Amino acid sequence: MLAVDSLETAALTKAQLADMLFEQIGLNKRESKDMIDAFFDLMGERLIAGEEVKLSGFGNFQMRIKAPRPGRNPRTGEMIPIAARRVVTFHASQKLKEQVQGEADIGGADEAPE
């Protein structure tokens, strides 16, 4: 498992993933960047093609079509139509949900109730 303790920002970037492959697995920097780019390119291609992307132990990405619906301009209150569109959805795996919940429980365990 890759350690992400060295992250300096709240967001994990493709560059940081490539750096982790370089540091922890020993791929050279060019190979690391190419591998990360190829991974995300393939995910995008599959989603665009309407296929589901399943990452075991992490979750599923799906392309979904949202139906057209009426909307409202928040500034003016004017009704505006919102066109049908394709969106990507993510559903976390049970394993990821449990890991996240375990981290949340650990963070709050030291606090005494008032």
N, C-alpha and C. Protein backbone atom coordinates (compact mmCIF):
# COMPACT_ATOMS: atom_id res chain seq x y z
N MET A 1 0.85 -1.18 0.00
CA MET A 1 0.00 0.00 0.00
C MET A 1 0.89 1.25 0.00
N LEU A 2 0.52 2.23 -0.79
CA LEU A 2 1.30 3.46 -0.87
C LEU A 2 0.99 4.36 0.32
N ALA A 3 2.00 4.93 0.90
CA ALA A 3 1.80 5.87 2.01
C ALA A 3 1.56 7.25 1.45
N VAL A 4 0.59 7.96 2.02
CA VAL A 4 0.29 9.31 1.56
C VAL A 4 0.49 10.33 2.68
N ASP A 5 1.31 9.97 3.67
CA ASP A 5 1.54 10.87 4.80
C ASP A 5 2.22 12.16 4.39
N SER A 6 2.95 12.15 3.28
CA SER A 6 3.75 13.31 2.90
C SER A 6 2.96 14.35 2.10
N LEU A 7 1.66 14.15 1.95
CA LEU A 7 0.87 15.10 1.15
C LEU A 7 0.83 16.46 1.83
N GLU A 8 1.07 17.49 1.05
CA GLU A 8 1.10 18.83 1.60
C GLU A 8 -0.22 19.57 1.41
N THR A 9 -1.06 19.09 0.48
CA THR A 9 -2.33 19.75 0.21
C THR A 9 -3.47 18.80 0.55
N ALA A 10 -4.67 19.36 0.61
CA ALA A 10 -5.84 18.56 0.91
C ALA A 10 -6.24 17.69 -0.29
N ALA A 11 -5.80 18.04 -1.49
CA ALA A 11 -6.14 17.28 -2.70
C ALA A 11 -4.94 16.45 -3.14
N LEU A 12 -5.22 15.22 -3.55
CA LEU A 12 -4.18 14.35 -4.09
C LEU A 12 -4.15 14.57 -5.60
N THR A 13 -3.00 14.93 -6.14
CA THR A 13 -2.89 15.25 -7.56
C THR A 13 -2.24 14.10 -8.33
N LYS A 14 -2.40 14.13 -9.65
CA LYS A 14 -1.75 13.13 -10.50
C LYS A 14 -0.23 13.21 -10.34
N ALA A 15 0.30 14.41 -10.22
CA ALA A 15 1.75 14.58 -10.03
C ALA A 15 2.21 13.93 -8.74
N GLN A 16 1.42 14.06 -7.67
CA GLN A 16 1.78 13.42 -6.40
C GLN A 16 1.72 11.90 -6.51
N LEU A 17 0.71 11.39 -7.23
CA LEU A 17 0.64 9.94 -7.44
C LEU A 17 1.87 9.45 -8.19
N ALA A 18 2.27 10.17 -9.23
CA ALA A 18 3.45 9.79 -10.00
C ALA A 18 4.70 9.83 -9.12
N ASP A 19 4.81 10.85 -8.27
CA ASP A 19 5.96 10.95 -7.35
C ASP A 19 5.99 9.76 -6.39
N MET A 20 4.81 9.33 -5.92
CA MET A 20 4.75 8.18 -5.01
C MET A 20 5.19 6.90 -5.72
N LEU A 21 4.78 6.73 -6.98
CA LEU A 21 5.24 5.56 -7.74
C LEU A 21 6.76 5.59 -7.90
N PHE A 22 7.29 6.77 -8.16
CA PHE A 22 8.73 6.93 -8.29
C PHE A 22 9.44 6.58 -6.99
N GLU A 23 8.98 7.13 -5.88
CA GLU A 23 9.65 6.97 -4.59
C GLU A 23 9.47 5.58 -3.98
N GLN A 24 8.26 5.03 -4.07
CA GLN A 24 7.96 3.81 -3.33
C GLN A 24 8.06 2.54 -4.15
N ILE A 25 7.95 2.64 -5.47
CA ILE A 25 8.01 1.44 -6.29
C ILE A 25 9.29 1.40 -7.11
N GLY A 26 9.87 2.56 -7.38
CA GLY A 26 11.13 2.59 -8.08
C GLY A 26 11.03 2.81 -9.58
N LEU A 27 9.83 3.10 -10.08
CA LEU A 27 9.72 3.46 -11.49
C LEU A 27 10.42 4.79 -11.69
N ASN A 28 10.97 5.03 -12.90
CA ASN A 28 11.55 6.35 -13.10
C ASN A 28 10.42 7.37 -13.25
N LYS A 29 10.74 8.64 -13.16
CA LYS A 29 9.71 9.68 -13.13
C LYS A 29 8.85 9.68 -14.39
N ARG A 30 9.48 9.47 -15.54
CA ARG A 30 8.74 9.46 -16.81
C ARG A 30 7.76 8.29 -16.86
N GLU A 31 8.23 7.10 -16.45
CA GLU A 31 7.35 5.93 -16.42
C GLU A 31 6.20 6.13 -15.45
N SER A 32 6.49 6.71 -14.30
CA SER A 32 5.45 6.96 -13.30
C SER A 32 4.37 7.88 -13.85
N LYS A 33 4.79 8.98 -14.48
CA LYS A 33 3.83 9.93 -15.05
C LYS A 33 3.02 9.27 -16.16
N ASP A 34 3.70 8.52 -17.03
CA ASP A 34 3.01 7.84 -18.13
C ASP A 34 1.99 6.83 -17.62
N MET A 35 2.34 6.10 -16.54
CA MET A 35 1.43 5.10 -15.99
C MET A 35 0.17 5.76 -15.41
N ILE A 36 0.36 6.83 -14.67
CA ILE A 36 -0.79 7.55 -14.09
C ILE A 36 -1.66 8.12 -15.20
N ASP A 37 -1.04 8.76 -16.19
CA ASP A 37 -1.81 9.33 -17.31
C ASP A 37 -2.58 8.25 -18.06
N ALA A 38 -1.95 7.11 -18.31
CA ALA A 38 -2.60 6.02 -19.03
C ALA A 38 -3.78 5.47 -18.23
N PHE A 39 -3.61 5.36 -16.92
CA PHE A 39 -4.68 4.87 -16.05
C PHE A 39 -5.91 5.78 -16.15
N PHE A 40 -5.71 7.08 -15.98
CA PHE A 40 -6.85 7.99 -16.01
C PHE A 40 -7.43 8.17 -17.42
N ASP A 41 -6.58 8.10 -18.44
CA ASP A 41 -7.08 8.15 -19.82
C ASP A 41 -8.00 6.96 -20.08
N LEU A 42 -7.57 5.78 -19.66
CA LEU A 42 -8.37 4.57 -19.86
C LEU A 42 -9.69 4.65 -19.10
N MET A 43 -9.64 5.13 -17.86
CA MET A 43 -10.88 5.30 -17.09
C MET A 43 -11.84 6.24 -17.81
N GLY A 44 -11.33 7.36 -18.28
CA GLY A 44 -12.16 8.33 -18.99
C GLY A 44 -12.76 7.75 -20.25
N GLU A 45 -11.95 7.03 -21.03
CA GLU A 45 -12.43 6.41 -22.26
C GLU A 45 -13.57 5.43 -21.99
N ARG A 46 -13.40 4.61 -20.97
CA ARG A 46 -14.42 3.61 -20.63
C ARG A 46 -15.71 4.28 -20.16
N LEU A 47 -15.59 5.33 -19.36
CA LEU A 47 -16.79 6.04 -18.89
C LEU A 47 -17.50 6.72 -20.05
N ILE A 48 -16.76 7.35 -20.95
CA ILE A 48 -17.35 8.00 -22.11
C ILE A 48 -18.08 6.99 -22.98
N ALA A 49 -17.54 5.77 -23.05
CA ALA A 49 -18.17 4.71 -23.84
C ALA A 49 -19.40 4.12 -23.13
N GLY A 50 -19.69 4.61 -21.93
CA GLY A 50 -20.86 4.13 -21.19
C GLY A 50 -20.60 2.92 -20.32
N GLU A 51 -19.34 2.53 -20.18
CA GLU A 51 -19.00 1.38 -19.35
C GLU A 51 -18.79 1.81 -17.90
N GLU A 52 -19.02 0.89 -17.00
CA GLU A 52 -18.76 1.12 -15.59
C GLU A 52 -17.30 0.81 -15.31
N VAL A 53 -16.66 1.56 -14.43
CA VAL A 53 -15.28 1.30 -14.02
C VAL A 53 -15.33 0.87 -12.56
N LYS A 54 -14.90 -0.37 -12.31
CA LYS A 54 -14.92 -0.93 -10.95
C LYS A 54 -13.50 -1.08 -10.45
N LEU A 55 -13.20 -0.48 -9.32
CA LEU A 55 -11.90 -0.61 -8.68
C LEU A 55 -12.12 -1.37 -7.38
N SER A 56 -11.75 -2.63 -7.36
CA SER A 56 -12.00 -3.50 -6.22
C SER A 56 -11.44 -2.89 -4.93
N GLY A 57 -12.27 -2.87 -3.91
CA GLY A 57 -11.86 -2.33 -2.62
C GLY A 57 -11.90 -0.82 -2.55
N PHE A 58 -12.27 -0.16 -3.65
CA PHE A 58 -12.33 1.30 -3.67
C PHE A 58 -13.73 1.78 -4.02
N GLY A 59 -14.22 1.42 -5.21
CA GLY A 59 -15.57 1.82 -5.59
C GLY A 59 -15.81 1.72 -7.07
N ASN A 60 -16.99 2.18 -7.48
CA ASN A 60 -17.42 2.10 -8.87
C ASN A 60 -17.73 3.49 -9.42
N PHE A 61 -17.28 3.73 -10.64
CA PHE A 61 -17.60 4.95 -11.37
C PHE A 61 -18.57 4.57 -12.48
N GLN A 62 -19.64 5.35 -12.65
CA GLN A 62 -20.63 5.06 -13.67
C GLN A 62 -20.99 6.34 -14.41
N MET A 63 -21.29 6.19 -15.71
CA MET A 63 -21.83 7.30 -16.50
C MET A 63 -23.34 7.20 -16.39
N ARG A 64 -23.98 8.31 -16.07
CA ARG A 64 -25.43 8.33 -15.89
C ARG A 64 -26.00 9.48 -16.69
N ILE A 65 -27.18 9.31 -17.22
CA ILE A 65 -27.85 10.39 -17.95
C ILE A 65 -28.90 11.00 -17.03
N LYS A 66 -28.76 12.29 -16.80
CA LYS A 66 -29.74 13.01 -15.98
C LYS A 66 -30.79 13.59 -16.92
N ALA A 67 -32.03 13.41 -16.58
CA ALA A 67 -33.13 13.88 -17.42
C ALA A 67 -33.22 15.41 -17.37
N PRO A 68 -33.82 16.01 -18.41
CA PRO A 68 -34.03 17.46 -18.36
C PRO A 68 -34.99 17.79 -17.23
N ARG A 69 -34.84 18.97 -16.68
CA ARG A 69 -35.71 19.37 -15.56
C ARG A 69 -35.80 20.87 -15.50
N PRO A 70 -36.85 21.37 -14.85
CA PRO A 70 -36.93 22.82 -14.68
C PRO A 70 -35.98 23.26 -13.57
N GLY A 71 -35.39 24.42 -13.74
CA GLY A 71 -34.51 24.98 -12.73
C GLY A 71 -34.87 26.42 -12.46
N ARG A 72 -34.16 27.02 -11.54
CA ARG A 72 -34.44 28.41 -11.18
C ARG A 72 -33.13 29.15 -11.02
N ASN A 73 -33.04 30.33 -11.64
CA ASN A 73 -31.88 31.18 -11.46
C ASN A 73 -31.91 31.69 -10.02
N PRO A 74 -30.90 31.39 -9.20
CA PRO A 74 -30.95 31.78 -7.79
C PRO A 74 -30.94 33.30 -7.58
N ARG A 75 -30.37 34.04 -8.52
CA ARG A 75 -30.33 35.50 -8.38
C ARG A 75 -31.66 36.16 -8.69
N THR A 76 -32.25 35.74 -9.81
CA THR A 76 -33.45 36.43 -10.28
C THR A 76 -34.72 35.67 -9.96
N GLY A 77 -34.61 34.38 -9.66
CA GLY A 77 -35.80 33.58 -9.42
C GLY A 77 -36.46 33.12 -10.71
N GLU A 78 -35.90 33.52 -11.84
CA GLU A 78 -36.47 33.18 -13.15
C GLU A 78 -36.34 31.67 -13.39
N MET A 79 -37.41 31.06 -13.93
CA MET A 79 -37.40 29.64 -14.27
C MET A 79 -36.58 29.46 -15.55
N ILE A 80 -35.69 28.48 -15.53
CA ILE A 80 -34.88 28.17 -16.71
C ILE A 80 -34.85 26.65 -16.89
N PRO A 81 -34.87 26.20 -18.14
CA PRO A 81 -34.79 24.75 -18.35
C PRO A 81 -33.35 24.27 -18.19
N ILE A 82 -33.19 23.13 -17.55
CA ILE A 82 -31.87 22.49 -17.44
C ILE A 82 -31.91 21.29 -18.38
N ALA A 83 -31.02 21.29 -19.35
CA ALA A 83 -31.00 20.25 -20.38
C ALA A 83 -30.55 18.91 -19.81
N ALA A 84 -30.91 17.84 -20.51
CA ALA A 84 -30.41 16.51 -20.16
C ALA A 84 -28.89 16.52 -20.30
N ARG A 85 -28.22 15.76 -19.46
CA ARG A 85 -26.77 15.72 -19.54
C ARG A 85 -26.24 14.42 -18.97
N ARG A 86 -25.02 14.13 -19.34
CA ARG A 86 -24.35 12.93 -18.82
C ARG A 86 -23.46 13.35 -17.66
N VAL A 87 -23.49 12.57 -16.59
CA VAL A 87 -22.67 12.85 -15.42
C VAL A 87 -22.00 11.56 -14.96
N VAL A 88 -20.85 11.69 -14.33
CA VAL A 88 -20.16 10.55 -13.74
C VAL A 88 -20.53 10.50 -12.27
N THR A 89 -20.91 9.32 -11.80
CA THR A 89 -21.20 9.14 -10.39
C THR A 89 -20.18 8.16 -9.80
N PHE A 90 -19.95 8.28 -8.50
CA PHE A 90 -19.04 7.39 -7.80
C PHE A 90 -19.76 6.80 -6.60
N HIS A 91 -19.62 5.50 -6.44
CA HIS A 91 -20.17 4.82 -5.28
C HIS A 91 -19.03 4.08 -4.60
N ALA A 92 -18.74 4.47 -3.36
CA ALA A 92 -17.64 3.86 -2.61
C ALA A 92 -17.96 2.41 -2.29
N SER A 93 -16.93 1.56 -2.29
CA SER A 93 -17.11 0.16 -1.91
C SER A 93 -17.36 0.08 -0.41
N GLN A 94 -17.90 -1.05 0.01
CA GLN A 94 -18.13 -1.25 1.44
C GLN A 94 -16.81 -1.20 2.20
N LYS A 95 -15.77 -1.76 1.60
CA LYS A 95 -14.44 -1.76 2.25
C LYS A 95 -13.95 -0.33 2.47
N LEU A 96 -14.08 0.53 1.46
CA LEU A 96 -13.66 1.92 1.61
C LEU A 96 -14.51 2.64 2.65
N LYS A 97 -15.81 2.40 2.63
CA LYS A 97 -16.70 3.02 3.61
C LYS A 97 -16.29 2.64 5.03
N GLU A 98 -15.96 1.37 5.22
CA GLU A 98 -15.54 0.91 6.55
C GLU A 98 -14.22 1.55 6.97
N GLN A 99 -13.28 1.68 6.02
CA GLN A 99 -12.01 2.31 6.35
C GLN A 99 -12.20 3.78 6.72
N VAL A 100 -13.03 4.47 5.96
CA VAL A 100 -13.29 5.89 6.25
C VAL A 100 -13.98 6.03 7.59
N GLN A 101 -14.94 5.17 7.86
CA GLN A 101 -15.65 5.24 9.13
C GLN A 101 -14.71 4.91 10.29
N GLY A 102 -13.81 3.95 10.08
CA GLY A 102 -12.83 3.60 11.11
C GLY A 102 -11.94 4.78 11.44
N GLU A 103 -11.52 5.54 10.42
CA GLU A 103 -10.71 6.74 10.64
C GLU A 103 -11.51 7.79 11.38
N ALA A 104 -12.79 7.93 11.07
CA ALA A 104 -13.63 8.92 11.76
C ALA A 104 -13.78 8.55 13.22
N ASP A 105 -13.94 7.25 13.49
CA ASP A 105 -14.08 6.80 14.88
C ASP A 105 -12.81 7.04 15.66
N ILE A 106 -11.66 6.81 15.04
CA ILE A 106 -10.38 7.02 15.70
C ILE A 106 -10.20 8.51 16.05
N GLY A 107 -10.58 9.39 15.12
CA GLY A 107 -10.42 10.83 15.35
C GLY A 107 -11.24 11.35 16.51
N GLY A 108 -12.41 10.76 16.73
CA GLY A 108 -13.28 11.26 17.79
C GLY A 108 -13.15 10.49 19.09
N ALA A 109 -12.32 9.45 19.13
CA ALA A 109 -12.23 8.59 20.31
C ALA A 109 -11.57 9.27 21.49
N ASP A 110 -10.70 10.24 21.25
CA ASP A 110 -9.98 10.89 22.34
C ASP A 110 -10.78 11.99 23.02
N GLU A 111 -11.86 12.39 22.39
CA GLU A 111 -12.63 13.51 22.95
C GLU A 111 -13.60 12.99 24.00
N ALA A 112 -13.59 13.62 25.16
CA ALA A 112 -14.51 13.23 26.23
C ALA A 112 -15.82 14.00 26.09
N PRO A 113 -16.96 13.36 26.32
CA PRO A 113 -18.23 14.07 26.22
C PRO A 113 -18.35 15.10 27.32
N GLU A 114 -19.05 16.18 27.02
CA GLU A 114 -19.20 17.25 28.02
C GLU A 114 -20.47 17.12 28.78
